[in-house]
Amino acid sequence: MSSLKEFQCEICGTVSENPIHWFVIECSDQKLAVLKWDLTAAMSPTARHFCGEAHAQVYISRWFESVCVPHKRALKTL
């Protein structure tokens, strides 16, 4: 008896049992790793799944915006 695993895209919600051209992203506050689809990586409890490059890029952009917000410089007045 085999058990099929379904994966859902974090951006559009597409579900697939055969995610051929998908990507896996592992991230934390300090680190982001993008992997070509790998079942072992995809099964990690911290993995995020994306149905293609465009949706992986959307997530990466959102991650940068939330983590890498530049500090505002204090303006010196004379």
PDB file of N, CA and C in Angstrom:
ATOM      1  N   MET A   1       0.846  -1.175   0.000  1.00  0.00           N
ATOM      2  CA  MET A   1       0.000   0.000   0.000  1.00  0.00           C
ATOM      3  C   MET A   1       0.892   1.239   0.000  1.00  0.00           C
ATOM      4  N   SER A   2       0.726   2.107  -0.997  1.00  0.00           N
ATOM      5  CA  SER A   2       1.530   3.320  -1.044  1.00  0.00           C
ATOM      6  C   SER A   2       0.685   4.515  -0.618  1.00  0.00           C
ATOM      7  N   SER A   3       1.350   5.495  -0.110  1.00  0.00           N
ATOM      8  CA  SER A   3       0.680   6.704   0.347  1.00  0.00           C
ATOM      9  C   SER A   3       1.163   7.874  -0.501  1.00  0.00           C
ATOM     10  N   LEU A   4       0.239   8.542  -1.193  1.00  0.00           N
ATOM     11  CA  LEU A   4       0.601   9.696  -2.003  1.00  0.00           C
ATOM     12  C   LEU A   4       0.532  10.941  -1.140  1.00  0.00           C
ATOM     13  N   LYS A   5       1.467  11.822  -1.345  1.00  0.00           N
ATOM     14  CA  LYS A   5       1.523  13.075  -0.606  1.00  0.00           C
ATOM     15  C   LYS A   5       1.177  14.201  -1.549  1.00  0.00           C
ATOM     16  N   GLU A   6       0.279  15.070  -1.136  1.00  0.00           N
ATOM     17  CA  GLU A   6      -0.060  16.254  -1.911  1.00  0.00           C
ATOM     18  C   GLU A   6       0.688  17.452  -1.350  1.00  0.00           C
ATOM     19  N   PHE A   7       1.080  18.338  -2.246  1.00  0.00           N
ATOM     20  CA  PHE A   7       1.761  19.561  -1.852  1.00  0.00           C
ATOM     21  C   PHE A   7       0.971  20.740  -2.394  1.00  0.00           C
ATOM     22  N   GLN A   8       0.932  21.821  -1.622  1.00  0.00           N
ATOM     23  CA  GLN A   8       0.167  22.995  -2.004  1.00  0.00           C
ATOM     24  C   GLN A   8       1.083  24.207  -2.129  1.00  0.00           C
ATOM     25  N   CYS A   9       0.935  24.946  -3.225  1.00  0.00           N
ATOM     26  CA  CYS A   9       1.719  26.158  -3.445  1.00  0.00           C
ATOM     27  C   CYS A   9       1.322  27.213  -2.410  1.00  0.00           C
ATOM     28  N   GLU A  10       2.315  27.821  -1.785  1.00  0.00           N
ATOM     29  CA  GLU A  10       2.090  28.837  -0.753  1.00  0.00           C
ATOM     30  C   GLU A  10       1.448  30.106  -1.318  1.00  0.00           C
ATOM     31  N   ILE A  11       1.608  30.355  -2.605  1.00  0.00           N
ATOM     32  CA  ILE A  11       1.112  31.600  -3.198  1.00  0.00           C
ATOM     33  C   ILE A  11      -0.283  31.436  -3.803  1.00  0.00           C
ATOM     34  N   CYS A  12      -0.458  30.460  -4.691  1.00  0.00           N
ATOM     35  CA  CYS A  12      -1.729  30.349  -5.420  1.00  0.00           C
ATOM     36  C   CYS A  12      -2.644  29.239  -4.924  1.00  0.00           C
ATOM     37  N   GLY A  13      -2.123  28.344  -4.098  1.00  0.00           N
ATOM     38  CA  GLY A  13      -2.947  27.271  -3.560  1.00  0.00           C
ATOM     39  C   GLY A  13      -3.075  26.047  -4.458  1.00  0.00           C
ATOM     40  N   THR A  14      -2.382  26.041  -5.608  1.00  0.00           N
ATOM     41  CA  THR A  14      -2.413  24.870  -6.485  1.00  0.00           C
ATOM     42  C   THR A  14      -1.922  23.649  -5.713  1.00  0.00           C
ATOM     43  N   VAL A  15      -2.615  22.525  -5.891  1.00  0.00           N
ATOM     44  CA  VAL A  15      -2.252  21.284  -5.209  1.00  0.00           C
ATOM     45  C   VAL A  15      -1.764  20.281  -6.245  1.00  0.00           C
ATOM     46  N   SER A  16      -0.685  19.552  -5.910  1.00  0.00           N
ATOM     47  CA  SER A  16      -0.153  18.549  -6.825  1.00  0.00           C
ATOM     48  C   SER A  16       0.381  17.351  -6.055  1.00  0.00           C
ATOM     49  N   GLU A  17       0.179  16.176  -6.633  1.00  0.00           N
ATOM     50  CA  GLU A  17       0.792  14.951  -6.117  1.00  0.00           C
ATOM     51  C   GLU A  17       2.103  14.674  -6.851  1.00  0.00           C
ATOM     52  N   ASN A  18       2.341  15.408  -7.949  1.00  0.00           N
ATOM     53  CA  ASN A  18       3.521  15.202  -8.780  1.00  0.00           C
ATOM     54  C   ASN A  18       4.150  16.565  -9.119  1.00  0.00           C
ATOM     55  N   PRO A  19       4.745  17.233  -8.147  1.00  0.00           N
ATOM     56  CA  PRO A  19       5.261  18.597  -8.343  1.00  0.00           C
ATOM     57  C   PRO A  19       6.611  18.637  -9.054  1.00  0.00           C
ATOM     58  N   ILE A  20       6.612  18.385 -10.352  1.00  0.00           N
ATOM     59  CA  ILE A  20       7.829  18.235 -11.138  1.00  0.00           C
ATOM     60  C   ILE A  20       8.704  19.492 -11.158  1.00  0.00           C
ATOM     61  N   HIS A  21       8.166  20.625 -11.515  1.00  0.00           N
ATOM     62  CA  HIS A  21       8.977  21.845 -11.663  1.00  0.00           C
ATOM     63  C   HIS A  21       8.787  22.800 -10.486  1.00  0.00           C
ATOM     64  N   TRP A  22       8.516  22.259  -9.341  1.00  0.00           N
ATOM     65  CA  TRP A  22       8.282  23.072  -8.159  1.00  0.00           C
ATOM     66  C   TRP A  22       9.595  23.381  -7.449  1.00  0.00           C
ATOM     67  N   PHE A  23       9.506  24.295  -6.459  1.00  0.00           N
ATOM     68  CA  PHE A  23      10.649  24.672  -5.638  1.00  0.00           C
ATOM     69  C   PHE A  23      10.293  24.520  -4.165  1.00  0.00           C
ATOM     70  N   VAL A  24      11.315  24.283  -3.379  1.00  0.00           N
ATOM     71  CA  VAL A  24      11.179  24.208  -1.926  1.00  0.00           C
ATOM     72  C   VAL A  24      11.998  25.361  -1.350  1.00  0.00           C
ATOM     73  N   ILE A  25      11.420  26.069  -0.392  1.00  0.00           N
ATOM     74  CA  ILE A  25      12.154  27.128   0.293  1.00  0.00           C
ATOM     75  C   ILE A  25      12.143  26.834   1.780  1.00  0.00           C
ATOM     76  N   GLU A  26      13.331  26.863   2.355  1.00  0.00           N
ATOM     77  CA  GLU A  26      13.526  26.747   3.798  1.00  0.00           C
ATOM     78  C   GLU A  26      13.996  28.115   4.261  1.00  0.00           C
ATOM     79  N   CYS A  27      13.369  28.649   5.302  1.00  0.00           N
ATOM     80  CA  CYS A  27      13.821  29.961   5.744  1.00  0.00           C
ATOM     81  C   CYS A  27      13.619  30.158   7.235  1.00  0.00           C
ATOM     82  N   SER A  28      14.358  31.140   7.725  1.00  0.00           N
ATOM     83  CA  SER A  28      14.220  31.605   9.102  1.00  0.00           C
ATOM     84  C   SER A  28      14.390  33.117   9.041  1.00  0.00           C
ATOM     85  N   ASP A  29      14.523  33.764  10.167  1.00  0.00           N
ATOM     86  CA  ASP A  29      14.722  35.214  10.163  1.00  0.00           C
ATOM     87  C   ASP A  29      16.047  35.611   9.536  1.00  0.00           C
ATOM     88  N   GLN A  30      17.041  34.743   9.608  1.00  0.00           N
ATOM     89  CA  GLN A  30      18.388  35.085   9.161  1.00  0.00           C
ATOM     90  C   GLN A  30      18.819  34.419   7.857  1.00  0.00           C
ATOM     91  N   LYS A  31      18.101  33.393   7.416  1.00  0.00           N
ATOM     92  CA  LYS A  31      18.586  32.594   6.300  1.00  0.00           C
ATOM     93  C   LYS A  31      17.427  32.125   5.427  1.00  0.00           C
ATOM     94  N   LEU A  32      17.681  32.117   4.118  1.00  0.00           N
ATOM     95  CA  LEU A  32      16.697  31.618   3.164  1.00  0.00           C
ATOM     96  C   LEU A  32      17.431  30.717   2.173  1.00  0.00           C
ATOM     97  N   ALA A  33      16.922  29.517   1.949  1.00  0.00           N
ATOM     98  CA  ALA A  33      17.525  28.571   1.004  1.00  0.00           C
ATOM     99  C   ALA A  33      16.470  28.148  -0.012  1.00  0.00           C
ATOM    100  N   VAL A  34      16.807  28.267  -1.292  1.00  0.00           N
ATOM    101  CA  VAL A  34      15.917  27.859  -2.375  1.00  0.00           C
ATOM    102  C   VAL A  34      16.471  26.579  -2.981  1.00  0.00           C
ATOM    103  N   LEU A  35      15.626  25.569  -3.074  1.00  0.00           N
ATOM    104  CA  LEU A  35      16.035  24.263  -3.599  1.00  0.00           C
ATOM    105  C   LEU A  35      15.136  23.854  -4.752  1.00  0.00           C
ATOM    106  N   LYS A  36      15.727  23.228  -5.768  1.00  0.00           N
ATOM    107  CA  LYS A  36      14.901  22.561  -6.769  1.00  0.00           C
ATOM    108  C   LYS A  36      14.141  21.463  -6.039  1.00  0.00           C
ATOM    109  N   TRP A  37      13.026  21.042  -6.602  1.00  0.00           N
ATOM    110  CA  TRP A  37      12.175  20.083  -5.907  1.00  0.00           C
ATOM    111  C   TRP A  37      12.944  18.844  -5.490  1.00  0.00           C
ATOM    112  N   ASP A  38      12.816  18.517  -4.224  1.00  0.00           N
ATOM    113  CA  ASP A  38      13.432  17.335  -3.642  1.00  0.00           C
ATOM    114  C   ASP A  38      12.458  16.837  -2.589  1.00  0.00           C
ATOM    115  N   LEU A  39      12.005  15.606  -2.715  1.00  0.00           N
ATOM    116  CA  LEU A  39      10.981  15.075  -1.829  1.00  0.00           C
ATOM    117  C   LEU A  39      11.411  15.104  -0.369  1.00  0.00           C
ATOM    118  N   THR A  40      12.658  14.783  -0.099  1.00  0.00           N
ATOM    119  CA  THR A  40      13.138  14.799   1.284  1.00  0.00           C
ATOM    120  C   THR A  40      13.048  16.211   1.862  1.00  0.00           C
ATOM    121  N   ALA A  41      13.523  17.195   1.115  1.00  0.00           N
ATOM    122  CA  ALA A  41      13.448  18.584   1.580  1.00  0.00           C
ATOM    123  C   ALA A  41      11.999  19.044   1.709  1.00  0.00           C
ATOM    124  N   ALA A  42      11.167  18.633   0.764  1.00  0.00           N
ATOM    125  CA  ALA A  42       9.760  19.044   0.767  1.00  0.00           C
ATOM    126  C   ALA A  42       9.000  18.498   1.968  1.00  0.00           C
ATOM    127  N   MET A  43       9.440  17.373   2.486  1.00  0.00           N
ATOM    128  CA  MET A  43       8.763  16.744   3.623  1.00  0.00           C
ATOM    129  C   MET A  43       9.158  17.372   4.967  1.00  0.00           C
ATOM    130  N   SER A  44      10.151  18.235   4.974  1.00  0.00           N
ATOM    131  CA  SER A  44      10.572  18.901   6.205  1.00  0.00           C
ATOM    132  C   SER A  44       9.410  19.727   6.759  1.00  0.00           C
ATOM    133  N   PRO A  45       9.234  19.729   8.068  1.00  0.00           N
ATOM    134  CA  PRO A  45       8.122  20.497   8.648  1.00  0.00           C
ATOM    135  C   PRO A  45       8.260  22.013   8.439  1.00  0.00           C
ATOM    136  N   THR A  46       9.450  22.502   8.135  1.00  0.00           N
ATOM    137  CA  THR A  46       9.648  23.936   7.921  1.00  0.00           C
ATOM    138  C   THR A  46       9.706  24.318   6.441  1.00  0.00           C
ATOM    139  N   ALA A  47       9.497  23.346   5.545  1.00  0.00           N
ATOM    140  CA  ALA A  47       9.558  23.604   4.106  1.00  0.00           C
ATOM    141  C   ALA A  47       8.325  24.347   3.626  1.00  0.00           C
ATOM    142  N   ARG A  48       8.556  25.210   2.654  1.00  0.00           N
ATOM    143  CA  ARG A  48       7.464  25.895   1.964  1.00  0.00           C
ATOM    144  C   ARG A  48       7.536  25.483   0.500  1.00  0.00           C
ATOM    145  N   HIS A  49       6.391  25.328  -0.135  1.00  0.00           N
ATOM    146  CA  HIS A  49       6.303  24.757  -1.485  1.00  0.00           C
ATOM    147  C   HIS A  49       5.775  25.793  -2.472  1.00  0.00           C
ATOM    148  N   PHE A  50       6.381  25.810  -3.680  1.00  0.00           N
ATOM    149  CA  PHE A  50       6.011  26.785  -4.700  1.00  0.00           C
ATOM    150  C   PHE A  50       5.929  26.113  -6.056  1.00  0.00           C
ATOM    151  N   CYS A  51       4.847  26.397  -6.793  1.00  0.00           N
ATOM    152  CA  CYS A  51       4.563  25.685  -8.040  1.00  0.00           C
ATOM    153  C   CYS A  51       5.426  26.120  -9.214  1.00  0.00           C
ATOM    154  N   GLY A  52       6.239  27.118  -9.038  1.00  0.00           N
ATOM    155  CA  GLY A  52       7.118  27.549 -10.121  1.00  0.00           C
ATOM    156  C   GLY A  52       8.007  28.684  -9.671  1.00  0.00           C
ATOM    157  N   GLU A  53       8.884  29.095 -10.585  1.00  0.00           N
ATOM    158  CA  GLU A  53       9.862  30.132 -10.284  1.00  0.00           C
ATOM    159  C   GLU A  53       9.189  31.456  -9.908  1.00  0.00           C
ATOM    160  N   ALA A  54       8.138  31.830 -10.620  1.00  0.00           N
ATOM    161  CA  ALA A  54       7.480  33.115 -10.353  1.00  0.00           C
ATOM    162  C   ALA A  54       6.937  33.179  -8.934  1.00  0.00           C
ATOM    163  N   HIS A  55       6.323  32.106  -8.466  1.00  0.00           N
ATOM    164  CA  HIS A  55       5.764  32.121  -7.119  1.00  0.00           C
ATOM    165  C   HIS A  55       6.845  32.020  -6.051  1.00  0.00           C
ATOM    166  N   ALA A  56       7.932  31.343  -6.347  1.00  0.00           N
ATOM    167  CA  ALA A  56       9.070  31.335  -5.424  1.00  0.00           C
ATOM    168  C   ALA A  56       9.635  32.750  -5.312  1.00  0.00           C
ATOM    169  N   GLN A  57       9.699  33.471  -6.426  1.00  0.00           N
ATOM    170  CA  GLN A  57      10.208  34.845  -6.414  1.00  0.00           C
ATOM    171  C   GLN A  57       9.306  35.769  -5.607  1.00  0.00           C
ATOM    172  N   VAL A  58       8.008  35.570  -5.691  1.00  0.00           N
ATOM    173  CA  VAL A  58       7.074  36.374  -4.893  1.00  0.00           C
ATOM    174  C   VAL A  58       7.383  36.182  -3.412  1.00  0.00           C
ATOM    175  N   TYR A  59       7.562  34.938  -2.996  1.00  0.00           N
ATOM    176  CA  TYR A  59       7.852  34.665  -1.587  1.00  0.00           C
ATOM    177  C   TYR A  59       9.191  35.276  -1.173  1.00  0.00           C
ATOM    178  N   ILE A  60      10.206  35.134  -2.014  1.00  0.00           N
ATOM    179  CA  ILE A  60      11.532  35.683  -1.706  1.00  0.00           C
ATOM    180  C   ILE A  60      11.439  37.204  -1.535  1.00  0.00           C
ATOM    181  N   SER A  61      10.721  37.876  -2.425  1.00  0.00           N
ATOM    182  CA  SER A  61      10.561  39.328  -2.313  1.00  0.00           C
ATOM    183  C   SER A  61       9.872  39.698  -1.006  1.00  0.00           C
ATOM    184  N   ARG A  62       8.846  38.963  -0.639  1.00  0.00           N
ATOM    185  CA  ARG A  62       8.144  39.232   0.625  1.00  0.00           C
ATOM    186  C   ARG A  62       9.068  38.999   1.817  1.00  0.00           C
ATOM    187  N   TRP A  63       9.896  37.966   1.738  1.00  0.00           N
ATOM    188  CA  TRP A  63      10.832  37.668   2.827  1.00  0.00           C
ATOM    189  C   TRP A  63      11.826  38.813   2.989  1.00  0.00           C
ATOM    190  N   PHE A  64      12.389  39.295   1.865  1.00  0.00           N
ATOM    191  CA  PHE A  64      13.324  40.418   1.931  1.00  0.00           C
ATOM    192  C   PHE A  64      12.657  41.654   2.528  1.00  0.00           C
ATOM    193  N   GLU A  65      11.441  41.939   2.122  1.00  0.00           N
ATOM    194  CA  GLU A  65      10.728  43.108   2.637  1.00  0.00           C
ATOM    195  C   GLU A  65      10.505  43.016   4.139  1.00  0.00           C
ATOM    196  N   SER A  66      10.224  41.831   4.636  1.00  0.00           N
ATOM    197  CA  SER A  66       9.925  41.684   6.064  1.00  0.00           C
ATOM    198  C   SER A  66      11.170  41.595   6.924  1.00  0.00           C
ATOM    199  N   VAL A  67      12.265  41.096   6.377  1.00  0.00           N
ATOM    200  CA  VAL A  67      13.474  40.883   7.167  1.00  0.00           C
ATOM    201  C   VAL A  67      14.492  41.995   6.961  1.00  0.00           C
ATOM    202  N   CYS A  68      14.643  42.449   5.754  1.00  0.00           N
ATOM    203  CA  CYS A  68      15.734  43.364   5.423  1.00  0.00           C
ATOM    204  C   CYS A  68      15.263  44.804   5.255  1.00  0.00           C
ATOM    205  N   VAL A  69      14.422  45.246   6.143  1.00  0.00           N
ATOM    206  CA  VAL A  69      13.975  46.633   6.076  1.00  0.00           C
ATOM    207  C   VAL A  69      15.149  47.514   6.497  1.00  0.00           C
ATOM    208  N   PRO A  70      15.560  48.442   5.640  1.00  0.00           N
ATOM    209  CA  PRO A  70      16.730  49.273   5.990  1.00  0.00           C
ATOM    210  C   PRO A  70      16.414  50.196   7.159  1.00  0.00           C
ATOM    211  N   HIS A  71      17.425  50.452   7.966  1.00  0.00           N
ATOM    212  CA  HIS A  71      17.285  51.375   9.088  1.00  0.00           C
ATOM    213  C   HIS A  71      17.244  52.792   8.538  1.00  0.00           C
ATOM    214  N   LYS A  72      16.419  53.620   9.145  1.00  0.00           N
ATOM    215  CA  LYS A  72      16.366  55.019   8.740  1.00  0.00           C
ATOM    216  C   LYS A  72      17.546  55.751   9.381  1.00  0.00           C
ATOM    217  N   ARG A  73      18.198  56.564   8.579  1.00  0.00           N
ATOM    218  CA  ARG A  73      19.321  57.351   9.084  1.00  0.00           C
ATOM    219  C   ARG A  73      18.779  58.577   9.817  1.00  0.00           C
ATOM    220  N   ALA A  74      19.419  58.891  10.905  1.00  0.00           N
ATOM    221  CA  ALA A  74      19.069  60.111  11.616  1.00  0.00           C
ATOM    222  C   ALA A  74      19.644  61.292  10.846  1.00  0.00           C
ATOM    223  N   LEU A  75      18.821  62.283  10.597  1.00  0.00           N
ATOM    224  CA  LEU A  75      19.277  63.451   9.855  1.00  0.00           C
ATOM    225  C   LEU A  75      19.938  64.427  10.825  1.00  0.00           C
ATOM    226  N   LYS A  76      21.094  64.908  10.429  1.00  0.00           N
ATOM    227  CA  LYS A  76      21.807  65.898  11.244  1.00  0.00           C
ATOM    228  C   LYS A  76      21.352  67.286  10.821  1.00  0.00           C
ATOM    229  N   THR A  77      21.031  68.081  11.761  1.00  0.00           N
ATOM    230  CA  THR A  77      20.663  69.466  11.442  1.00  0.00           C
ATOM    231  C   THR A  77      21.757  70.385  11.926  1.00  0.00           C
ATOM    232  N   LEU A  78      22.037  71.403  11.151  1.00  0.00           N
ATOM    233  CA  LEU A  78      23.084  72.363  11.494  1.00  0.00           C
ATOM    234  C   LEU A  78      22.518  73.614  12.089  1.00  0.00           C
TER     235      LEU A  78
END
